[in-house]
Amino acid sequence: MPVKINYHRCNGCKACYNHCPADLFGWDEERDIPYIAYPDECWHCGICKMECPVEKAIELTLPPQCWLEINKRFISKLSAPTEFQWPEEG
């Protein structure tokens, strides 16, 4: 899923436009707001969301392929408990 812009919250600061390493965003000069110019080029890095000063103006959801890769890399390294232990009281 590509990144989404919540235009009800966007203040037109250009943070997403200026910081996206994939140049995903275009800029609408007439309306003074960003738009998603190349949705298939999104790296899902999250920089646009991190740089945006307005909470929930940028929505980013990782696609299932990313979660599969995360699971392969990290979950497989976790060791399973050999037996259940109740926590000690006190």
Protein backbone atom coordinates (compact mmCIF):
# COMPACT_ATOMS: atom_id res chain seq x y z
CA MET A 1 0.00 0.00 0.00
CA PRO A 2 1.36 3.40 -0.86
CA VAL A 3 1.46 6.25 1.58
CA LYS A 4 -1.73 8.30 1.94
CA ILE A 5 -2.14 11.99 2.69
CA ASN A 6 -4.98 13.12 4.92
CA TYR A 7 -5.82 16.44 3.25
CA HIS A 8 -8.07 17.47 6.14
CA ARG A 9 -4.98 17.55 8.37
CA CYS A 10 -2.20 18.51 5.94
CA ASN A 11 -0.92 22.05 6.50
CA GLY A 12 1.14 22.25 3.29
CA CYS A 13 4.52 22.51 5.03
CA LYS A 14 6.33 20.50 2.29
CA ALA A 15 8.14 18.26 4.82
CA CYS A 16 7.06 15.07 3.03
CA TYR A 17 7.85 16.58 -0.37
CA ASN A 18 11.32 17.75 0.70
CA HIS A 19 12.43 14.68 2.68
CA CYS A 20 11.17 11.65 0.72
CA PRO A 21 14.27 9.77 -0.53
CA ALA A 22 12.26 8.15 -3.34
CA ASP A 23 10.83 11.47 -4.63
CA LEU A 24 7.38 9.95 -4.30
CA PHE A 25 5.63 13.27 -3.78
CA GLY A 26 4.67 15.92 -6.25
CA TRP A 27 3.59 19.44 -5.37
CA ASP A 28 0.35 21.09 -6.51
CA GLU A 29 1.30 24.76 -6.84
CA GLU A 30 -2.29 25.96 -7.26
CA ARG A 31 -3.62 24.26 -4.12
CA ASP A 32 -0.27 24.44 -2.25
CA ILE A 33 -0.43 20.78 -1.14
CA PRO A 34 1.52 17.59 -1.84
CA TYR A 35 0.18 14.68 -3.85
CA ILE A 36 1.39 11.14 -4.44
CA ALA A 37 3.07 11.29 -7.85
CA TYR A 38 4.60 7.80 -7.93
CA PRO A 39 2.69 5.46 -5.57
CA ASP A 40 4.46 2.32 -6.80
CA GLU A 41 7.86 3.79 -5.93
CA CYS A 42 7.22 4.01 -2.16
CA TRP A 43 9.95 2.30 -0.11
CA HIS A 44 7.79 2.30 3.07
CA CYS A 45 10.70 3.88 4.93
CA GLY A 46 8.43 6.18 6.96
CA ILE A 47 10.53 9.32 6.62
CA CYS A 48 7.56 11.32 5.34
CA LYS A 49 5.53 10.36 8.38
CA MET A 50 8.42 11.04 10.80
CA GLU A 51 9.16 14.47 9.31
CA CYS A 52 5.54 15.60 9.13
CA PRO A 53 4.81 18.02 11.99
CA VAL A 54 1.06 17.28 11.89
CA GLU A 55 -0.14 14.14 13.64
CA LYS A 56 -1.99 11.72 11.35
CA ALA A 57 -1.55 13.83 8.20
CA ILE A 58 0.44 10.99 6.63
CA GLU A 59 -0.81 7.41 6.78
CA LEU A 60 1.64 4.63 6.05
CA THR A 61 0.84 0.93 6.19
CA LEU A 62 3.45 -1.71 5.56
CA PRO A 63 2.46 -4.16 2.83
CA PRO A 64 2.24 -7.88 3.71
CA GLN A 65 5.56 -8.57 1.95
CA CYS A 66 7.35 -6.34 4.48
CA TRP A 67 5.80 -8.17 7.42
CA LEU A 68 6.84 -11.51 5.94
CA GLU A 69 10.41 -10.28 5.65
CA ILE A 70 10.37 -8.94 9.22
CA ASN A 71 9.10 -12.29 10.46
CA LYS A 72 11.80 -14.19 8.58
CA ARG A 73 14.58 -12.00 9.96
CA PHE A 74 13.60 -11.51 13.57
CA ILE A 75 10.96 -13.96 14.79
CA SER A 76 13.03 -16.95 13.76
CA LYS A 77 15.85 -15.73 16.05
CA LEU A 78 13.65 -15.80 19.15
CA SER A 79 14.03 -18.88 21.26
CA ALA A 80 10.88 -20.66 22.35
CA PRO A 81 10.53 -21.36 26.08
CA THR A 82 11.25 -24.95 26.99
CA GLU A 83 8.69 -25.03 29.78
CA PHE A 84 6.15 -22.71 31.30
CA GLN A 85 7.14 -20.96 34.53
CA TRP A 86 4.72 -19.07 36.73
CA PRO A 87 5.99 -15.67 37.85
CA GLU A 88 7.11 -15.53 41.45
CA GLU A 89 4.79 -13.70 43.82
CA GLY A 90 6.05 -10.95 45.98
